[in-house]
Amino acid sequence: MNTHKVLLAALLVPLGATLAFAPAGSAATPPAPAAVSAFAASSASASLNGAPATAFRSPEAALGRVAHPLRTTEPGGPLADLRPFGRMVGDARVVGLGEASHSSHEFFTVKHRVLRYLVEEKGFRAFALEAPWSTGLRLDAYLVRGEGDLKQIMDEEFQGTYRWWNNAEYRDLLQWMRAYNVKHPNDPVRFVGDDGGFAGAELYDKVSAYAAAARPELAPQLTELYRGLRPATDAETYVSDYLSKPMAERKELAERTGRAVDLLKQRSGTGPDADAHAWAVQHATAIHQMTTLFAFDWDDPRAVPDIMLYRDRIMAQNVAWWQRQTGDKIVLAAHNGHISLKTYIPGAYPRVQGDFLRERLGSGYLSVGLTFDHGSFNAFGADGAVHRFTVGPAAPGTIEHTLDRVRYHDSVVDLRNAPAAARAWLAAPHTVKNIGATYPGIADAPQIRLSESYDVVIHLQRVEAAHMLK
């Protein structure tokens, strides 16, 4: 199997999968005992600086003083226990909600529950997901105007490397969004796909329709520039075929789509045309993002850092564009490694989406990591098929082992307000679960400094595998 076919798993957070092809130096992950040693060194340093080492021996007790209980992970029912979380959100315009695995029931249902709360109590009006921009447009049309059939859309859009989103939990979340919009037609909750792994036919049609109406002189040029690009097959087949094209052809296609964006930008929209022009440019940009992403050499392991850097940058750009263009406050769903403030694995992920969003939005971006102690999840196995995996309780010295001993069964902790007795532990490197699209992977247990990675952590004691629909 060609490397690029394996690397397609990268389009859904390959924090383990892609590193199998990355340079060995970038894939090194210190063993768990190193986390204990780092903590011990941190405690010793604190003692030498005048702070008693005993103050840092029970970070869970210190964190328990600022932790708040999460009464349930299921989306229905009262939301009063999320009020402390609402205070943590404050005036943030984008809230990144992570996940320690791509396919666990509770991670999806907690996101549903948090979305409900933020929509009903904090005025949030968009849900963004690691899915193509064109997928977001189809789902948004269904959610806002009832266009299409939800099952058909999910089956057609959530396939290939995006198959993890074709689950009962996200179906329920989308059905809740649709029901909310039926009741609030003038103030709907929108859907955003922020990824660049595919550019559906809708994008080409929307750009062409705008040109025909507002810039007819550009229509022939755009038709030529987009020649052969509009998908005529399912998404999985299209992407596989696209990456089988010679590198020179993929680079030429990226150059053509870049020229299309430039053509549209030559004359900015004014008056009533301004909004339509902005959307047309963004749709053309999404096409160009896909062709640029696939113009990298996916058969060269040395290209992995550049591919991942580009992907995380454009995901952040798309979220920031939607927030700026619409004014919507956004709940952003992605893997922990994408919404974090600092990369887990610098060798393969030089910078990540959360880092770019913090740079763009400052305190307007809130990063919320979701962790778990033990349980199950779905992932690709070594044979390339989907399997249900189960992991036992976290080992001593890991982040989850400590968080699982905070006073509540499931809890929400604002790391920014952590007591002094916990700060040394939060600032020291510790091993964390990091399960991507493939399991086991090389980077399943990297070391991170929790206080540098997230503003808030939601810790769940136990999770179960999500209910996949296909």
Protein backbone atom coordinates (compact mmCIF):
# COMPACT_ATOMS: atom_id res chain seq x y z
CA MET A 1 0.00 0.00 0.00
CA ASN A 2 1.35 3.46 -0.91
CA THR A 3 2.43 5.70 1.93
CA HIS A 4 -0.14 8.32 0.91
CA LYS A 5 -2.98 5.85 1.41
CA VAL A 6 -1.83 5.27 4.98
CA LEU A 7 -1.25 8.97 5.51
CA LEU A 8 -4.87 9.67 4.60
CA ALA A 9 -5.55 8.72 8.21
CA ALA A 10 -3.68 11.92 8.96
CA LEU A 11 -6.73 13.90 7.93
CA LEU A 12 -8.23 12.86 11.24
CA VAL A 13 -5.50 13.65 13.72
CA PRO A 14 -2.77 11.14 12.98
CA LEU A 15 -0.99 11.85 16.24
CA GLY A 16 -0.10 8.18 16.26
CA ALA A 17 -0.65 6.99 12.73
CA THR A 18 1.48 9.40 10.73
CA LEU A 19 4.40 9.27 13.07
CA ALA A 20 5.03 5.73 11.92
CA PHE A 21 6.37 7.40 8.80
CA ALA A 22 7.97 10.42 10.43
CA PRO A 23 11.69 10.74 11.16
CA ALA A 24 12.63 8.67 14.17
CA GLY A 25 13.84 11.65 16.11
CA SER A 26 10.44 13.34 16.01
CA ALA A 27 8.60 10.24 17.16
CA ALA A 28 10.49 9.65 20.36
CA THR A 29 8.23 9.58 23.38
CA PRO A 30 9.74 9.36 26.88
CA PRO A 31 8.37 6.49 28.95
CA ALA A 32 5.90 7.14 31.73
CA PRO A 33 8.49 6.94 34.54
CA ALA A 34 10.12 10.06 33.11
CA ALA A 35 7.01 11.97 34.07
CA VAL A 36 7.47 10.89 37.66
CA SER A 37 11.11 11.94 37.54
CA ALA A 38 10.21 15.33 36.07
CA PHE A 39 7.67 15.87 38.82
CA ALA A 40 10.18 14.89 41.47
CA ALA A 41 12.71 17.30 39.99
CA SER A 42 10.10 20.05 39.93
CA SER A 43 9.22 19.42 43.57
CA ALA A 44 12.87 19.39 44.57
CA SER A 45 13.42 22.67 42.76
CA ALA A 46 10.45 24.21 44.53
CA SER A 47 11.83 23.08 47.87
CA LEU A 48 15.22 24.63 47.10
CA ASN A 49 13.46 27.91 46.30
CA GLY A 50 11.88 28.02 49.72
CA ALA A 51 8.54 26.31 49.04
CA PRO A 52 8.03 23.09 51.01
CA ALA A 53 8.16 20.04 48.76
CA THR A 54 5.22 18.55 50.64
CA ALA A 55 3.00 21.26 49.14
CA PHE A 56 3.31 19.60 45.76
CA ARG A 57 2.86 15.96 46.74
CA SER A 58 -0.90 15.99 46.35
CA PRO A 59 -1.85 18.01 43.28
CA GLU A 60 -5.17 16.16 43.15
CA ALA A 61 -6.12 17.54 46.54
CA ALA A 62 -5.20 21.05 45.47
CA LEU A 63 -7.08 20.73 42.17
CA GLY A 64 -10.06 19.35 44.08
CA ARG A 65 -10.43 22.74 45.73
CA VAL A 66 -11.25 24.36 42.37
CA ALA A 67 -12.88 21.39 40.61
CA HIS A 68 -16.57 21.34 39.83
CA PRO A 69 -18.62 18.15 39.44
CA LEU A 70 -20.05 17.12 36.11
CA ARG A 71 -23.31 15.45 37.12
CA THR A 72 -23.80 13.55 33.86
CA THR A 73 -22.18 13.14 30.47
CA GLU A 74 -25.51 12.66 28.68
CA PRO A 75 -26.93 15.67 26.79
CA GLY A 76 -30.51 15.65 28.07
CA GLY A 77 -31.81 17.05 31.34
CA PRO A 78 -30.87 20.02 33.52
CA LEU A 79 -27.70 21.99 32.80
CA ALA A 80 -27.24 23.76 36.14
CA ASP A 81 -23.98 21.93 36.90
CA LEU A 82 -22.42 23.61 33.84
CA ARG A 83 -22.81 27.12 35.24
CA PRO A 84 -19.26 27.09 36.68
CA PHE A 85 -18.05 26.10 33.22
CA GLY A 86 -19.99 29.04 31.80
CA ARG A 87 -18.06 31.34 34.09
CA MET A 88 -14.82 29.78 32.84
CA VAL A 89 -15.88 30.51 29.25
CA GLY A 90 -16.38 34.17 30.10
CA ASP A 91 -16.26 36.29 26.94
CA ALA A 92 -14.54 33.70 24.74
CA ARG A 93 -15.77 33.70 21.15
CA VAL A 94 -14.41 30.27 20.26
CA VAL A 95 -14.36 27.34 22.70
CA GLY A 96 -12.25 24.38 21.58
CA LEU A 97 -13.54 21.07 22.98
CA GLY A 98 -11.07 18.23 22.64
CA GLU A 99 -11.15 14.47 22.90
CA ALA A 100 -8.50 11.97 23.93
CA SER A 101 -9.80 9.44 21.40
CA HIS A 102 -11.69 9.90 18.15
CA SER A 103 -14.53 7.53 18.85
CA SER A 104 -15.75 7.38 22.45
CA HIS A 105 -19.42 7.89 23.35
CA GLU A 106 -18.90 10.23 26.29
CA PHE A 107 -16.61 12.63 24.46
CA PHE A 108 -19.33 13.20 21.85
CA THR A 109 -22.17 13.45 24.37
CA VAL A 110 -20.25 15.89 26.57
CA LYS A 111 -19.74 18.08 23.50
CA HIS A 112 -23.47 17.85 22.81
CA ARG A 113 -24.24 18.82 26.40
CA VAL A 114 -21.77 21.71 26.41
CA LEU A 115 -23.11 22.92 23.05
CA ARG A 116 -26.65 22.92 24.47
CA TYR A 117 -25.53 24.95 27.45
CA LEU A 118 -23.49 27.46 25.46
CA VAL A 119 -26.30 27.93 22.93
CA GLU A 120 -29.03 28.35 25.54
CA GLU A 121 -27.08 30.29 28.15
CA LYS A 122 -24.12 32.00 26.47
CA GLY A 123 -25.37 32.87 22.98
CA PHE A 124 -23.16 30.52 20.98
CA ARG A 125 -24.49 29.97 17.46
CA ALA A 126 -22.14 27.65 15.59
CA PHE A 127 -20.63 24.18 15.91
CA ALA A 128 -17.37 23.57 14.03
CA LEU A 129 -15.96 20.12 13.34
CA GLU A 130 -12.92 18.50 11.72
CA ALA A 131 -14.77 18.00 8.45
CA PRO A 132 -14.41 19.57 4.99
CA TRP A 133 -15.75 23.07 4.39
CA SER A 134 -18.15 21.65 1.77
CA THR A 135 -19.44 19.07 4.26
CA GLY A 136 -20.21 21.93 6.61
CA LEU A 137 -22.22 23.69 3.89
CA ARG A 138 -24.39 20.61 3.28
CA LEU A 139 -25.05 20.07 6.96
CA ASP A 140 -25.68 23.76 7.54
CA ALA A 141 -28.29 23.79 4.75
CA TYR A 142 -30.03 20.84 6.40
CA LEU A 143 -29.88 22.33 9.89
CA VAL A 144 -31.01 25.82 8.91
CA ARG A 145 -33.42 25.17 6.04
CA GLY A 146 -34.17 21.45 6.23
CA GLU A 147 -32.51 20.73 2.86
CA GLY A 148 -31.70 17.09 2.19
CA ASP A 149 -31.82 13.96 4.32
CA LEU A 150 -29.57 13.79 7.39
CA LYS A 151 -28.74 10.09 7.04
CA GLN A 152 -27.83 10.50 3.39
CA ILE A 153 -25.67 13.53 4.10
CA MET A 154 -23.83 11.77 6.94
CA ASP A 155 -23.31 8.63 4.86
CA GLU A 156 -21.97 10.60 1.91
CA GLU A 157 -19.84 13.10 3.82
CA PHE A 158 -18.57 11.10 6.80
CA GLN A 159 -16.72 8.37 4.93
CA GLY A 160 -13.11 7.43 4.44
CA THR A 161 -10.98 9.11 7.04
CA TYR A 162 -13.98 11.08 8.31
CA ARG A 163 -16.00 7.96 9.08
CA TRP A 164 -15.61 8.44 12.85
CA TRP A 165 -18.19 11.25 12.70
CA ASN A 166 -20.85 8.93 11.26
CA ASN A 167 -22.06 7.89 14.69
CA ALA A 168 -25.28 7.88 16.66
CA GLU A 169 -23.97 10.49 19.08
CA TYR A 170 -23.32 13.12 16.41
CA ARG A 171 -26.57 12.21 14.70
CA ASP A 172 -28.34 13.04 17.96
CA LEU A 173 -26.40 16.31 18.26
CA LEU A 174 -27.35 17.30 14.70
CA GLN A 175 -30.99 16.39 15.30
CA TRP A 176 -30.98 18.61 18.40
CA MET A 177 -29.54 21.46 16.34
CA ARG A 178 -32.23 21.00 13.69
CA ALA A 179 -35.00 20.94 16.31
CA TYR A 180 -33.58 24.11 17.90
CA ASN A 181 -33.52 25.85 14.53
CA VAL A 182 -37.11 24.89 13.75
CA LYS A 183 -38.09 26.66 16.97
CA HIS A 184 -35.75 29.61 16.35
CA PRO A 185 -35.76 30.16 12.57
CA ASN A 186 -34.50 33.72 12.88
CA ASP A 187 -31.62 32.85 15.21
CA PRO A 188 -30.29 29.45 14.10
CA VAL A 189 -27.31 27.42 15.23
CA ARG A 190 -24.98 26.94 12.27
CA PHE A 191 -22.55 24.17 11.28
CA VAL A 192 -18.97 24.77 10.13
CA GLY A 193 -16.60 22.27 8.51
CA ASP A 194 -13.12 23.66 9.04
CA ASP A 195 -10.93 21.02 7.38
CA GLY A 196 -9.35 20.82 3.93
CA GLY A 197 -9.38 17.09 3.15
CA PHE A 198 -12.02 17.33 0.42
CA ALA A 199 -13.75 20.01 -1.64
CA GLY A 200 -17.25 18.95 -2.65
CA ALA A 201 -19.15 19.89 -5.78
CA GLU A 202 -21.12 22.50 -3.79
CA LEU A 203 -18.05 24.77 -3.65
CA TYR A 204 -17.53 24.86 -7.41
CA ASP A 205 -21.25 25.45 -7.97
CA LYS A 206 -21.36 28.33 -5.49
CA VAL A 207 -18.29 30.03 -6.94
CA SER A 208 -19.65 29.62 -10.47
CA ALA A 209 -23.08 30.94 -9.46
CA TYR A 210 -21.53 34.03 -7.87
CA ALA A 211 -19.40 34.71 -10.95
CA ALA A 212 -22.38 34.29 -13.28
CA ALA A 213 -24.43 36.77 -11.25
CA ALA A 214 -21.86 39.34 -10.19
CA ARG A 215 -18.72 38.87 -12.32
CA PRO A 216 -19.78 37.29 -15.63
CA GLU A 217 -16.53 38.31 -17.26
CA LEU A 218 -14.73 35.89 -14.94
CA ALA A 219 -16.96 32.89 -15.59
CA PRO A 220 -15.02 31.49 -18.60
CA GLN A 221 -11.68 31.83 -16.79
CA LEU A 222 -12.98 30.15 -13.64
CA THR A 223 -14.47 27.32 -15.68
CA GLU A 224 -11.07 26.70 -17.26
CA LEU A 225 -9.16 26.97 -13.99
CA TYR A 226 -11.49 24.45 -12.33
CA ARG A 227 -11.47 22.07 -15.30
CA GLY A 228 -11.36 18.44 -14.14
CA LEU A 229 -11.59 19.32 -10.44
CA ARG A 230 -15.30 19.21 -9.61
CA PRO A 231 -15.95 15.81 -7.95
CA ALA A 232 -18.00 13.28 -9.90
CA THR A 233 -17.43 10.34 -7.52
CA ASP A 234 -17.81 9.74 -3.79
CA ALA A 235 -15.40 11.60 -1.54
CA GLU A 236 -13.24 8.63 -0.57
CA THR A 237 -12.69 7.59 -4.19
CA TYR A 238 -12.06 11.18 -5.27
CA VAL A 239 -9.34 11.74 -2.67
CA SER A 240 -7.64 8.43 -3.37
CA ASP A 241 -7.64 9.10 -7.11
CA TYR A 242 -6.45 12.65 -6.60
CA LEU A 243 -3.43 11.56 -4.57
CA SER A 244 -2.57 9.04 -7.29
CA LYS A 245 -1.99 11.88 -9.76
CA PRO A 246 1.66 12.73 -10.53
CA MET A 247 3.14 15.36 -8.24
CA ALA A 248 3.64 17.79 -11.12
CA GLU A 249 -0.06 17.61 -11.99
CA ARG A 250 -1.11 18.17 -8.35
CA LYS A 251 1.14 21.20 -8.11
CA GLU A 252 -0.30 22.58 -11.37
CA LEU A 253 -3.84 22.11 -10.04
CA ALA A 254 -2.93 23.98 -6.85
CA GLU A 255 -1.49 26.80 -8.94
CA ARG A 256 -4.73 26.98 -10.96
CA THR A 257 -6.99 27.13 -7.89
CA GLY A 258 -4.76 29.83 -6.42
CA ARG A 259 -5.25 31.89 -9.58
CA ALA A 260 -9.01 31.46 -9.19
CA VAL A 261 -8.86 32.94 -5.69
CA ASP A 262 -6.76 35.83 -6.97
CA LEU A 263 -9.24 36.52 -9.78
CA LEU A 264 -12.11 36.78 -7.34
CA LYS A 265 -10.10 39.02 -5.02
CA GLN A 266 -9.15 41.50 -7.74
CA ARG A 267 -12.30 43.51 -7.18
CA SER A 268 -13.77 43.46 -3.70
CA GLY A 269 -17.50 43.44 -3.20
CA THR A 270 -19.29 46.62 -2.23
CA GLY A 271 -22.72 47.36 -0.86
CA PRO A 272 -25.15 44.44 -1.15
CA ASP A 273 -22.48 42.43 -3.02
CA ALA A 274 -19.93 42.56 -0.20
CA ASP A 275 -21.26 39.59 1.73
CA ALA A 276 -21.79 37.43 -1.37
CA HIS A 277 -18.28 38.29 -2.55
CA ALA A 278 -16.74 37.37 0.80
CA TRP A 279 -18.46 33.98 0.77
CA ALA A 280 -17.44 33.29 -2.83
CA VAL A 281 -13.81 34.05 -2.01
CA GLN A 282 -13.98 31.77 1.03
CA HIS A 283 -15.49 28.92 -1.01
CA ALA A 284 -12.74 29.34 -3.61
CA THR A 285 -10.21 29.44 -0.79
CA ALA A 286 -11.52 26.12 0.53
CA ILE A 287 -10.98 24.58 -2.91
CA HIS A 288 -7.45 25.97 -2.97
CA GLN A 289 -6.79 24.65 0.54
CA MET A 290 -7.56 21.11 -0.62
CA THR A 291 -5.41 21.30 -3.74
CA THR A 292 -2.56 22.87 -1.75
CA LEU A 293 -2.80 20.22 0.96
CA PHE A 294 -2.60 17.50 -1.69
CA ALA A 295 0.27 19.21 -3.52
CA PHE A 296 2.61 18.12 -0.72
CA ASP A 297 4.51 14.89 -1.29
CA TRP A 298 2.42 12.42 0.70
CA ASP A 299 4.85 9.62 -0.17
CA ASP A 300 7.74 11.35 1.61
CA PRO A 301 7.84 10.91 5.41
CA ARG A 302 9.92 14.08 5.65
CA ALA A 303 6.93 16.07 4.40
CA VAL A 304 4.74 15.11 7.39
CA PRO A 305 5.56 18.20 9.51
CA ASP A 306 4.84 20.56 6.59
CA ILE A 307 1.56 18.77 5.80
CA MET A 308 0.39 18.90 9.38
CA LEU A 309 1.47 22.51 9.89
CA TYR A 310 -0.50 23.57 6.80
CA ARG A 311 -3.57 21.58 7.82
CA ASP A 312 -3.76 23.01 11.33
CA ARG A 313 -3.18 26.52 10.03
CA ILE A 314 -6.05 26.37 7.53
CA MET A 315 -8.42 24.84 10.09
CA ALA A 316 -7.72 27.79 12.38
CA GLN A 317 -8.11 30.22 9.47
CA ASN A 318 -11.51 28.79 8.55
CA VAL A 319 -12.83 28.96 12.11
CA ALA A 320 -11.53 32.50 12.55
CA TRP A 321 -13.02 33.54 9.18
CA TRP A 322 -16.48 32.23 10.12
CA GLN A 323 -16.35 33.96 13.50
CA ARG A 324 -15.28 37.25 11.94
CA GLN A 325 -17.71 37.07 9.00
CA THR A 326 -20.83 36.00 10.91
CA GLY A 327 -20.10 37.18 14.43
CA ASP A 328 -21.15 33.75 15.69
CA LYS A 329 -19.60 32.42 18.86
CA ILE A 330 -18.34 28.93 18.03
CA VAL A 331 -17.97 25.57 19.76
CA LEU A 332 -15.03 23.88 18.02
CA ALA A 333 -14.83 20.07 18.20
CA ALA A 334 -11.52 18.36 17.46
CA HIS A 335 -8.92 16.05 18.95
CA ASN A 336 -7.08 17.25 22.03
CA GLY A 337 -3.94 17.55 19.97
CA HIS A 338 -5.59 20.04 17.61
CA ILE A 339 -7.39 22.33 20.06
CA SER A 340 -4.48 22.50 22.52
CA LEU A 341 -2.47 25.66 22.95
CA LYS A 342 0.82 23.90 22.32
CA THR A 343 1.72 20.97 20.14
CA TYR A 344 2.04 17.54 21.71
CA ILE A 345 4.67 16.41 19.18
CA PRO A 346 6.81 19.22 17.73
CA GLY A 347 8.63 16.93 15.32
CA ALA A 348 5.46 16.05 13.40
CA TYR A 349 3.15 18.92 14.41
CA PRO A 350 5.20 22.15 14.54
CA ARG A 351 2.11 24.19 15.52
CA VAL A 352 -1.53 23.26 16.03
CA GLN A 353 -4.95 24.80 15.49
CA GLY A 354 -5.38 25.96 19.08
CA ASP A 355 -2.01 27.71 18.99
CA PHE A 356 -3.01 29.60 15.83
CA LEU A 357 -6.41 30.52 17.30
CA ARG A 358 -4.85 31.85 20.50
CA GLU A 359 -2.51 33.93 18.36
CA ARG A 360 -5.45 35.33 16.35
CA LEU A 361 -8.08 35.69 19.09
CA GLY A 362 -6.09 36.00 22.30
CA SER A 363 -8.34 35.34 25.28
CA GLY A 364 -11.21 35.08 22.80
CA TYR A 365 -10.13 31.46 22.34
CA LEU A 366 -10.62 28.98 25.20
CA SER A 367 -8.95 25.57 25.01
CA VAL A 368 -10.72 22.71 26.83
CA GLY A 369 -9.04 19.30 26.94
CA LEU A 370 -11.10 16.15 27.57
CA THR A 371 -9.32 13.27 29.31
CA PHE A 372 -10.33 9.84 30.61
CA ASP A 373 -8.93 7.27 33.01
CA HIS A 374 -10.09 4.01 31.44
CA GLY A 375 -12.57 2.63 28.93
CA SER A 376 -13.01 1.87 25.25
CA PHE A 377 -12.94 3.52 21.83
CA ASN A 378 -13.04 2.67 18.13
CA ALA A 379 -9.94 3.06 15.96
CA PHE A 380 -8.20 1.55 12.97
CA GLY A 381 -6.10 -1.45 13.93
CA ALA A 382 -2.81 -2.56 12.44
CA ASP A 383 -4.79 -4.43 9.78
CA GLY A 384 -6.50 -1.22 8.61
CA ALA A 385 -9.93 -2.34 9.83
CA VAL A 386 -12.01 -0.65 12.53
CA HIS A 387 -11.80 -2.30 15.95
CA ARG A 388 -13.06 -1.62 19.47
CA PHE A 389 -10.16 -1.23 21.89
CA THR A 390 -10.20 -1.13 25.69
CA VAL A 391 -7.57 0.35 28.00
CA GLY A 392 -7.30 -0.07 31.75
CA PRO A 393 -6.77 2.50 34.50
CA ALA A 394 -4.02 5.05 34.00
CA ALA A 395 -0.60 4.32 35.46
CA PRO A 396 0.82 6.33 38.38
CA GLY A 397 2.69 9.41 37.20
CA THR A 398 0.35 10.07 34.30
CA ILE A 399 -1.97 13.05 33.97
CA GLU A 400 -5.09 10.87 34.06
CA HIS A 401 -3.99 9.04 37.20
CA THR A 402 -3.85 12.34 39.07
CA LEU A 403 -7.02 13.83 37.54
CA ASP A 404 -8.93 10.65 38.37
CA ARG A 405 -8.18 11.27 42.03
CA VAL A 406 -9.66 14.74 42.10
CA ARG A 407 -12.65 14.68 44.42
CA TYR A 408 -15.44 14.11 41.85
CA HIS A 409 -16.22 11.14 39.60
CA ASP A 410 -16.26 13.43 36.52
CA SER A 411 -15.04 16.99 36.91
CA VAL A 412 -14.31 20.33 35.29
CA VAL A 413 -11.16 22.19 36.38
CA ASP A 414 -10.06 25.68 35.38
CA LEU A 415 -6.27 25.31 35.23
CA ARG A 416 -5.83 29.08 35.13
CA ASN A 417 -7.13 29.30 38.70
CA ALA A 418 -5.23 26.33 40.10
CA PRO A 419 -3.96 26.72 43.66
CA ALA A 420 -0.26 27.29 44.13
CA ALA A 421 0.06 23.76 45.52
CA ALA A 422 -0.83 22.34 42.09
CA ARG A 423 1.03 24.72 39.80
CA ALA A 424 4.38 22.92 39.87
CA TRP A 425 2.66 19.66 38.90
CA LEU A 426 0.69 21.39 36.11
CA ALA A 427 3.89 22.97 34.77
CA ALA A 428 5.88 19.71 34.75
CA PRO A 429 5.81 17.21 31.86
CA HIS A 430 3.59 14.17 32.37
CA THR A 431 2.39 11.39 30.12
CA VAL A 432 -1.12 11.72 28.68
CA LYS A 433 -3.37 9.45 26.60
CA ASN A 434 -3.37 10.56 22.99
CA ILE A 435 -5.32 8.11 20.82
CA GLY A 436 -5.66 9.08 17.18
CA ALA A 437 -7.31 7.40 14.22
CA THR A 438 -5.05 4.33 14.47
CA TYR A 439 -4.29 2.27 17.58
CA PRO A 440 -1.77 1.40 18.80
CA GLY A 441 0.28 4.29 17.50
CA ILE A 442 3.74 5.61 18.20
CA ALA A 443 2.46 8.76 19.93
CA ASP A 444 -0.28 7.26 22.12
CA ALA A 445 1.45 8.52 25.28
CA PRO A 446 3.41 11.74 24.72
CA GLN A 447 4.42 14.03 27.54
CA ILE A 448 2.87 17.47 27.88
CA ARG A 449 2.80 20.31 30.37
CA LEU A 450 -0.88 20.57 31.19
CA SER A 451 -0.88 24.26 32.15
CA GLU A 452 0.73 25.16 28.80
CA SER A 453 -1.69 23.00 26.81
CA TYR A 454 -5.19 23.91 28.04
CA ASP A 455 -7.14 26.54 29.91
CA VAL A 456 -9.69 24.05 31.23
CA VAL A 457 -9.80 20.26 31.56
CA ILE A 458 -12.89 18.06 31.69
CA HIS A 459 -11.91 14.68 33.11
CA LEU A 460 -14.08 11.59 32.78
CA GLN A 461 -13.43 8.49 34.81
CA ARG A 462 -14.71 6.03 32.22
CA VAL A 463 -15.70 6.11 28.54
CA GLU A 464 -17.25 3.60 26.15
CA ALA A 465 -16.82 3.18 22.42
CA ALA A 466 -19.10 5.35 20.30
CA HIS A 467 -21.95 3.83 18.33
CA MET A 468 -20.83 3.96 14.71
CA LEU A 469 -23.63 3.97 12.12
CA LYS A 470 -21.60 2.49 9.27
